[in-house]
Amino acid sequence: MIRLSEADGRPVLSRESAERLGELMHVVVDAPSRRITALHVAGRRRKAMMVGWADIAGFGPDGIVVDGDGSMRPPGDDRERSVAGGDLDLDGRLVLDDRGDSQGALTDVLFDEESGRIDAFVCGEREIPAERLRQIGPFCVIVRAEPGAGE
């Protein structure tokens, strides 16, 4: 398990050419599956580039290794373009439950570096299990209210 805050800015390297392709800037999260599906890589090129999770060969403490230079691609849909533009950046995003109660600001995301599966969202000292995730939007992250909360 790794913290997203520890991975931010980590170099992204090509296994094929051993070149540095850029740095991890943002992640694309699929809310229904609670997985990271792609990484936004910036640095070497001016245009936003993505790499799909399936093209990641290794996610280690010193770098992220992708299969090759051909793994890099432009954003494929509106969600990926929004992530690359910073509109869906998770850092500091307000977390609300579906009753409208603030859970605080998102300070970190815990995920499995092998699969991209998200385990928890961190708001300060509090961890919210990923199973509670409903949606990530440009204003906030919506999670299910805890059973019995607010009753």
C-alpha atoms as a PDB file:
ATOM      1  CA  MET A   1       0.000   0.000   0.000  1.00  0.00           C
ATOM      2  CA  ILE A   2       1.281   3.434  -0.899  1.00  0.00           C
ATOM      3  CA  ARG A   3       0.174   7.002  -0.304  1.00  0.00           C
ATOM      4  CA  LEU A   4      -0.507   9.098  -3.390  1.00  0.00           C
ATOM      5  CA  SER A   5       1.306  12.007  -1.727  1.00  0.00           C
ATOM      6  CA  GLU A   6       4.477   9.857  -1.707  1.00  0.00           C
ATOM      7  CA  ALA A   7       4.127   9.124  -5.436  1.00  0.00           C
ATOM      8  CA  ASP A   8       3.470  12.711  -6.624  1.00  0.00           C
ATOM      9  CA  GLY A   9       6.332  13.897  -8.798  1.00  0.00           C
ATOM     10  CA  ARG A  10       7.858  10.405  -9.014  1.00  0.00           C
ATOM     11  CA  PRO A  11       9.767   9.961 -12.299  1.00  0.00           C
ATOM     12  CA  VAL A  12       8.116   7.919 -15.050  1.00  0.00           C
ATOM     13  CA  LEU A  13      10.633   5.861 -17.024  1.00  0.00           C
ATOM     14  CA  SER A  14      10.502   3.789 -20.202  1.00  0.00           C
ATOM     15  CA  ARG A  15      11.570   0.157 -19.787  1.00  0.00           C
ATOM     16  CA  GLU A  16      12.173   0.057 -23.537  1.00  0.00           C
ATOM     17  CA  SER A  17      14.539   3.044 -23.830  1.00  0.00           C
ATOM     18  CA  ALA A  18      15.519   3.706 -20.180  1.00  0.00           C
ATOM     19  CA  GLU A  19      14.553   7.345 -20.787  1.00  0.00           C
ATOM     20  CA  ARG A  20      12.776   9.578 -18.326  1.00  0.00           C
ATOM     21  CA  LEU A  21       9.367  10.351 -19.837  1.00  0.00           C
ATOM     22  CA  GLY A  22       8.267  12.827 -17.191  1.00  0.00           C
ATOM     23  CA  GLU A  23       6.832  12.888 -13.680  1.00  0.00           C
ATOM     24  CA  LEU A  24       3.571  11.738 -12.154  1.00  0.00           C
ATOM     25  CA  MET A  25       1.271  14.745 -11.862  1.00  0.00           C
ATOM     26  CA  HIS A  26      -2.253  13.392 -11.308  1.00  0.00           C
ATOM     27  CA  VAL A  27      -4.196  10.155 -11.358  1.00  0.00           C
ATOM     28  CA  VAL A  28      -7.396   9.236 -13.170  1.00  0.00           C
ATOM     29  CA  VAL A  29      -9.800   7.407 -10.852  1.00  0.00           C
ATOM     30  CA  ASP A  30     -12.730   5.297 -11.974  1.00  0.00           C
ATOM     31  CA  ALA A  31     -15.233   5.782  -9.136  1.00  0.00           C
ATOM     32  CA  PRO A  32     -17.382   2.661  -9.727  1.00  0.00           C
ATOM     33  CA  SER A  33     -14.376   0.302  -9.639  1.00  0.00           C
ATOM     34  CA  ARG A  34     -12.446   2.433  -7.093  1.00  0.00           C
ATOM     35  CA  ARG A  35      -9.273   2.070  -9.144  1.00  0.00           C
ATOM     36  CA  ILE A  36      -6.636   4.301 -10.640  1.00  0.00           C
ATOM     37  CA  THR A  37      -7.007   3.717 -14.373  1.00  0.00           C
ATOM     38  CA  ALA A  38      -4.366   6.086 -15.755  1.00  0.00           C
ATOM     39  CA  LEU A  39      -1.593   8.456 -14.773  1.00  0.00           C
ATOM     40  CA  HIS A  40      -1.124  12.014 -16.007  1.00  0.00           C
ATOM     41  CA  VAL A  41       2.574  12.407 -16.807  1.00  0.00           C
ATOM     42  CA  ALA A  42       4.140  15.826 -17.337  1.00  0.00           C
ATOM     43  CA  GLY A  43       7.627  17.141 -17.800  1.00  0.00           C
ATOM     44  CA  ARG A  44       9.279  16.075 -21.033  1.00  0.00           C
ATOM     45  CA  ARG A  45       6.555  17.223 -23.381  1.00  0.00           C
ATOM     46  CA  ARG A  46       4.405  20.327 -23.290  1.00  0.00           C
ATOM     47  CA  LYS A  47       1.157  18.495 -24.033  1.00  0.00           C
ATOM     48  CA  ALA A  48      -0.615  16.453 -21.373  1.00  0.00           C
ATOM     49  CA  MET A  49       0.220  12.773 -21.691  1.00  0.00           C
ATOM     50  CA  MET A  50      -1.418   9.753 -20.091  1.00  0.00           C
ATOM     51  CA  VAL A  51      -0.342   6.205 -19.442  1.00  0.00           C
ATOM     52  CA  GLY A  52      -2.941   3.524 -18.769  1.00  0.00           C
ATOM     53  CA  TRP A  53      -2.557   1.425 -15.630  1.00  0.00           C
ATOM     54  CA  ALA A  54      -2.207  -1.708 -17.794  1.00  0.00           C
ATOM     55  CA  ASP A  55       0.983  -0.237 -19.321  1.00  0.00           C
ATOM     56  CA  ILE A  56       2.720   0.168 -15.962  1.00  0.00           C
ATOM     57  CA  ALA A  57       5.443  -2.440 -15.566  1.00  0.00           C
ATOM     58  CA  GLY A  58       6.501  -1.361 -12.077  1.00  0.00           C
ATOM     59  CA  PHE A  59       5.530   1.175  -9.439  1.00  0.00           C
ATOM     60  CA  GLY A  60       8.488   1.429  -7.088  1.00  0.00           C
ATOM     61  CA  PRO A  61       9.738   3.886  -4.474  1.00  0.00           C
ATOM     62  CA  ASP A  62      12.238   5.445  -6.881  1.00  0.00           C
ATOM     63  CA  GLY A  63      10.242   5.499 -10.100  1.00  0.00           C
ATOM     64  CA  ILE A  64       7.340   4.301 -12.178  1.00  0.00           C
ATOM     65  CA  VAL A  65       8.357   2.082 -15.099  1.00  0.00           C
ATOM     66  CA  VAL A  66       6.123   1.853 -18.156  1.00  0.00           C
ATOM     67  CA  ASP A  67       6.437  -0.658 -20.991  1.00  0.00           C
ATOM     68  CA  GLY A  68       7.789   1.853 -23.494  1.00  0.00           C
ATOM     69  CA  ASP A  69       7.584   5.293 -25.042  1.00  0.00           C
ATOM     70  CA  GLY A  70       4.552   4.063 -26.999  1.00  0.00           C
ATOM     71  CA  SER A  71       2.665   3.683 -23.710  1.00  0.00           C
ATOM     72  CA  MET A  72       2.310   7.451 -23.564  1.00  0.00           C
ATOM     73  CA  ARG A  73      -0.818   8.852 -25.201  1.00  0.00           C
ATOM     74  CA  PRO A  74      -2.887  12.031 -25.172  1.00  0.00           C
ATOM     75  CA  PRO A  75      -5.937  12.174 -22.875  1.00  0.00           C
ATOM     76  CA  GLY A  76      -8.592   9.873 -24.322  1.00  0.00           C
ATOM     77  CA  ASP A  77     -11.811  11.383 -22.979  1.00  0.00           C
ATOM     78  CA  ASP A  78     -13.288  14.359 -21.128  1.00  0.00           C
ATOM     79  CA  ARG A  79     -12.444  12.887 -17.706  1.00  0.00           C
ATOM     80  CA  GLU A  80      -8.784  12.442 -18.628  1.00  0.00           C
ATOM     81  CA  ARG A  81      -8.658  15.968 -20.100  1.00  0.00           C
ATOM     82  CA  SER A  82     -10.161  17.311 -16.861  1.00  0.00           C
ATOM     83  CA  VAL A  83      -7.565  15.443 -14.791  1.00  0.00           C
ATOM     84  CA  ALA A  84      -4.728  16.734 -16.983  1.00  0.00           C
ATOM     85  CA  GLY A  85      -6.109  20.267 -16.673  1.00  0.00           C
ATOM     86  CA  GLY A  86      -6.137  20.006 -12.880  1.00  0.00           C
ATOM     87  CA  ASP A  87      -9.942  20.212 -12.672  1.00  0.00           C
ATOM     88  CA  LEU A  88     -10.155  16.813 -10.958  1.00  0.00           C
ATOM     89  CA  ASP A  89      -6.991  17.046  -8.868  1.00  0.00           C
ATOM     90  CA  LEU A  90      -7.698  15.141  -5.659  1.00  0.00           C
ATOM     91  CA  ASP A  91      -5.304  17.037  -3.389  1.00  0.00           C
ATOM     92  CA  GLY A  92      -7.278  19.303  -1.054  1.00  0.00           C
ATOM     93  CA  ARG A  93     -10.634  18.461  -2.657  1.00  0.00           C
ATOM     94  CA  LEU A  94     -13.633  18.821  -0.319  1.00  0.00           C
ATOM     95  CA  VAL A  95     -15.153  15.484   0.734  1.00  0.00           C
ATOM     96  CA  LEU A  96     -18.911  15.470   1.368  1.00  0.00           C
ATOM     97  CA  ASP A  97     -21.111  12.578   2.335  1.00  0.00           C
ATOM     98  CA  ASP A  98     -24.393  12.054   0.515  1.00  0.00           C
ATOM     99  CA  ARG A  99     -26.225  13.779   3.372  1.00  0.00           C
ATOM    100  CA  GLY A 100     -24.267  16.948   2.584  1.00  0.00           C
ATOM    101  CA  ASP A 101     -22.004  16.781   5.655  1.00  0.00           C
ATOM    102  CA  SER A 102     -18.368  17.749   5.180  1.00  0.00           C
ATOM    103  CA  GLN A 103     -15.829  15.051   5.942  1.00  0.00           C
ATOM    104  CA  GLY A 104     -12.976  17.534   5.518  1.00  0.00           C
ATOM    105  CA  ALA A 105     -10.401  18.158   2.829  1.00  0.00           C
ATOM    106  CA  LEU A 106      -8.826  15.218   1.052  1.00  0.00           C
ATOM    107  CA  THR A 107      -5.195  15.016   2.143  1.00  0.00           C
ATOM    108  CA  ASP A 108      -4.174  11.657   0.678  1.00  0.00           C
ATOM    109  CA  VAL A 109      -5.251   8.494  -1.131  1.00  0.00           C
ATOM    110  CA  LEU A 110      -4.078   5.023  -0.107  1.00  0.00           C
ATOM    111  CA  PHE A 111      -3.770   2.580  -2.995  1.00  0.00           C
ATOM    112  CA  ASP A 112      -2.219  -0.718  -4.011  1.00  0.00           C
ATOM    113  CA  GLU A 113       0.752  -0.066  -6.312  1.00  0.00           C
ATOM    114  CA  GLU A 114       0.345  -3.463  -8.005  1.00  0.00           C
ATOM    115  CA  SER A 115      -3.295  -3.155  -9.063  1.00  0.00           C
ATOM    116  CA  GLY A 116      -4.195   0.528  -8.719  1.00  0.00           C
ATOM    117  CA  ARG A 117      -7.014  -0.433  -6.317  1.00  0.00           C
ATOM    118  CA  ILE A 118      -7.856   2.403  -3.936  1.00  0.00           C
ATOM    119  CA  ASP A 119      -8.129   1.310  -0.307  1.00  0.00           C
ATOM    120  CA  ALA A 120      -8.981   4.582   1.445  1.00  0.00           C
ATOM    121  CA  PHE A 121      -9.298   8.340   1.166  1.00  0.00           C
ATOM    122  CA  VAL A 122      -7.595  10.325   3.912  1.00  0.00           C
ATOM    123  CA  CYS A 123      -9.075  13.497   5.383  1.00  0.00           C
ATOM    124  CA  GLY A 124      -6.622  14.727   8.010  1.00  0.00           C
ATOM    125  CA  GLU A 125      -6.251  11.913  10.532  1.00  0.00           C
ATOM    126  CA  ARG A 126      -9.360  10.092   9.309  1.00  0.00           C
ATOM    127  CA  GLU A 127      -9.423   7.312   6.710  1.00  0.00           C
ATOM    128  CA  ILE A 128     -12.601   6.825   4.686  1.00  0.00           C
ATOM    129  CA  PRO A 129     -12.830   3.318   3.147  1.00  0.00           C
ATOM    130  CA  ALA A 130     -12.863   3.383  -0.651  1.00  0.00           C
ATOM    131  CA  GLU A 131     -16.073   1.309  -0.649  1.00  0.00           C
ATOM    132  CA  ARG A 132     -17.889   4.499   0.398  1.00  0.00           C
ATOM    133  CA  LEU A 133     -16.850   6.412  -2.764  1.00  0.00           C
ATOM    134  CA  ARG A 134     -19.762   7.542  -4.911  1.00  0.00           C
ATOM    135  CA  GLN A 135     -18.217  10.086  -7.303  1.00  0.00           C
ATOM    136  CA  ILE A 136     -15.342  12.503  -7.904  1.00  0.00           C
ATOM    137  CA  GLY A 137     -16.250  15.833  -9.432  1.00  0.00           C
ATOM    138  CA  PRO A 138     -14.777  19.276 -10.037  1.00  0.00           C
ATOM    139  CA  PHE A 139     -16.203  20.647  -6.775  1.00  0.00           C
ATOM    140  CA  CYS A 140     -15.935  17.722  -4.364  1.00  0.00           C
ATOM    141  CA  VAL A 141     -15.680  14.012  -3.715  1.00  0.00           C
ATOM    142  CA  ILE A 142     -18.969  12.397  -2.668  1.00  0.00           C
ATOM    143  CA  VAL A 143     -18.913   9.407  -0.301  1.00  0.00           C
ATOM    144  CA  ARG A 144     -21.718   7.390   1.281  1.00  0.00           C
ATOM    145  CA  ALA A 145     -22.621   8.563   4.751  1.00  0.00           C
ATOM    146  CA  GLU A 146     -21.619   6.221   7.535  1.00  0.00           C
ATOM    147  CA  PRO A 147     -24.512   4.021   8.652  1.00  0.00           C
ATOM    148  CA  GLY A 148     -26.253   5.651  11.580  1.00  0.00           C
ATOM    149  CA  ALA A 149     -24.559   9.037  11.041  1.00  0.00           C
ATOM    150  CA  GLY A 150     -26.861  12.005  11.363  1.00  0.00           C
ATOM    151  CA  GLU A 151     -29.803   9.970  12.617  1.00  0.00           C
END
